[in-house]
Amino acid sequence: MNTDSRLILLSPDDNCLIAGARLEAGTTLDIEGERLTLGKTIELGHKVARRDLAQDDKVLRYGAVIGHVTEAVARGAHLHTHNLASDYLPTYTHDSGHEFVHH
């Protein structure tokens, strides 16, 4: 299916695309054969929903889960901190109580 060349699919399993250029609000794009008009500007490198996502759906980039959507997101919508929460778990803290002593 036809997808605008300004949108990059990093892995066939991904449900997001990456903006390969700054895409102005009002721009018309094809995503897998569906023609959509952007409601807001999407900056270079930001994520765009490849398909409709329901609240709590996992978001995959490079075929790996990077987070989940906090609300329903339509195909072609901007995925960012306003509707995407990270699922990364911290493996350390900066305030662990350990001090390093230089000898």
Protein backbone atom coordinates (compact mmCIF):
# COMPACT_ATOMS: atom_id res chain seq x y z
CA MET A 1 0.00 0.00 0.00
CA ASN A 2 1.12 3.52 -0.77
CA THR A 3 2.59 5.68 2.02
CA ASP A 4 3.97 9.21 1.60
CA SER A 5 7.76 9.13 1.14
CA ARG A 6 8.16 11.76 3.91
CA LEU A 7 7.05 9.12 6.44
CA ILE A 8 9.57 6.43 7.38
CA LEU A 9 8.66 2.92 8.53
CA LEU A 10 11.54 1.59 10.64
CA SER A 11 10.23 -1.98 11.05
CA PRO A 12 7.30 -3.83 9.43
CA ASP A 13 5.84 -4.50 12.92
CA ASP A 14 5.75 -0.80 13.88
CA ASN A 15 2.44 0.98 14.38
CA CYS A 16 4.10 4.39 14.10
CA LEU A 17 5.92 6.15 11.30
CA ILE A 18 8.68 8.73 11.63
CA ALA A 19 8.41 12.15 10.00
CA GLY A 20 11.37 12.47 7.63
CA ALA A 21 10.63 16.18 7.20
CA ARG A 22 8.74 18.90 9.05
CA LEU A 23 5.10 18.39 8.06
CA GLU A 24 2.97 21.52 8.27
CA ALA A 25 -0.63 21.48 9.52
CA GLY A 26 -2.93 21.12 6.52
CA THR A 27 -0.49 18.85 4.64
CA THR A 28 -2.21 15.95 2.88
CA LEU A 29 -0.49 12.57 3.23
CA ASP A 30 -1.17 9.01 2.14
CA ILE A 31 -0.71 6.38 4.84
CA GLU A 32 -1.05 2.87 3.43
CA GLY A 33 -3.50 4.04 0.79
CA GLU A 34 -5.60 6.32 3.02
CA ARG A 35 -5.40 10.05 2.28
CA LEU A 36 -5.28 12.20 5.44
CA THR A 37 -4.88 15.89 6.21
CA LEU A 38 -2.70 16.79 9.20
CA GLY A 39 -4.48 18.78 11.89
CA LYS A 40 -1.22 20.02 13.41
CA THR A 41 2.40 20.48 12.42
CA ILE A 42 4.63 17.45 13.04
CA GLU A 43 8.31 18.14 13.52
CA LEU A 44 11.15 16.23 11.83
CA GLY A 45 11.83 12.96 13.65
CA HIS A 46 8.50 12.87 15.51
CA LYS A 47 6.16 9.89 15.42
CA VAL A 48 2.89 9.60 13.50
CA ALA A 49 0.28 6.90 14.12
CA ARG A 50 0.42 4.33 11.32
CA ARG A 51 -3.09 3.11 12.19
CA ASP A 52 -5.86 3.93 14.66
CA LEU A 53 -4.80 3.17 18.24
CA ALA A 54 -7.08 2.59 21.23
CA GLN A 55 -6.27 3.93 24.71
CA ASP A 56 -3.51 1.81 26.33
CA ASP A 57 -2.39 0.24 23.01
CA LYS A 58 1.35 -0.36 22.96
CA VAL A 59 3.38 1.73 20.50
CA LEU A 60 6.09 -0.12 18.58
CA ARG A 61 9.15 1.52 17.04
CA TYR A 62 12.00 -0.58 15.59
CA GLY A 63 9.67 -3.52 16.37
CA ALA A 64 9.97 -2.88 20.13
CA VAL A 65 7.47 -1.44 22.59
CA ILE A 66 8.42 2.14 23.47
CA GLY A 67 5.29 3.07 25.40
CA HIS A 68 1.52 3.16 25.29
CA VAL A 69 -1.04 5.73 24.20
CA THR A 70 -2.94 7.46 26.98
CA GLU A 71 -5.98 8.16 24.78
CA ALA A 72 -7.41 6.96 21.48
CA VAL A 73 -5.26 8.16 18.57
CA ALA A 74 -6.36 8.31 14.93
CA ARG A 75 -4.19 7.20 12.01
CA GLY A 76 -1.98 10.11 10.97
CA ALA A 77 -2.07 11.81 14.37
CA HIS A 78 1.06 13.06 16.13
CA LEU A 79 2.38 10.67 18.80
CA HIS A 80 4.27 12.56 21.49
CA THR A 81 4.24 13.30 25.22
CA HIS A 82 0.66 14.63 25.10
CA ASN A 83 -0.72 11.17 24.22
CA LEU A 84 2.18 8.73 24.66
CA ALA A 85 3.60 7.46 27.96
CA SER A 86 6.92 5.64 28.18
CA ASP A 87 7.00 2.01 29.28
CA TYR A 88 10.72 2.11 30.01
CA LEU A 89 11.64 0.99 33.49
CA PRO A 90 14.57 2.76 35.13
CA THR A 91 17.48 0.44 35.82
CA TYR A 92 19.24 2.81 38.20
CA THR A 93 18.69 6.04 40.04
CA HIS A 94 20.95 9.03 40.29
CA ASP A 95 20.22 9.25 44.01
CA SER A 96 21.30 5.74 45.03
CA GLY A 97 23.21 6.90 48.10
CA HIS A 98 26.52 5.66 46.74
CA GLU A 99 29.44 8.03 46.60
CA PHE A 100 32.50 7.48 44.47
CA VAL A 101 35.86 8.13 46.10
CA HIS A 102 38.81 8.99 43.91
CA HIS A 103 42.17 7.61 45.08
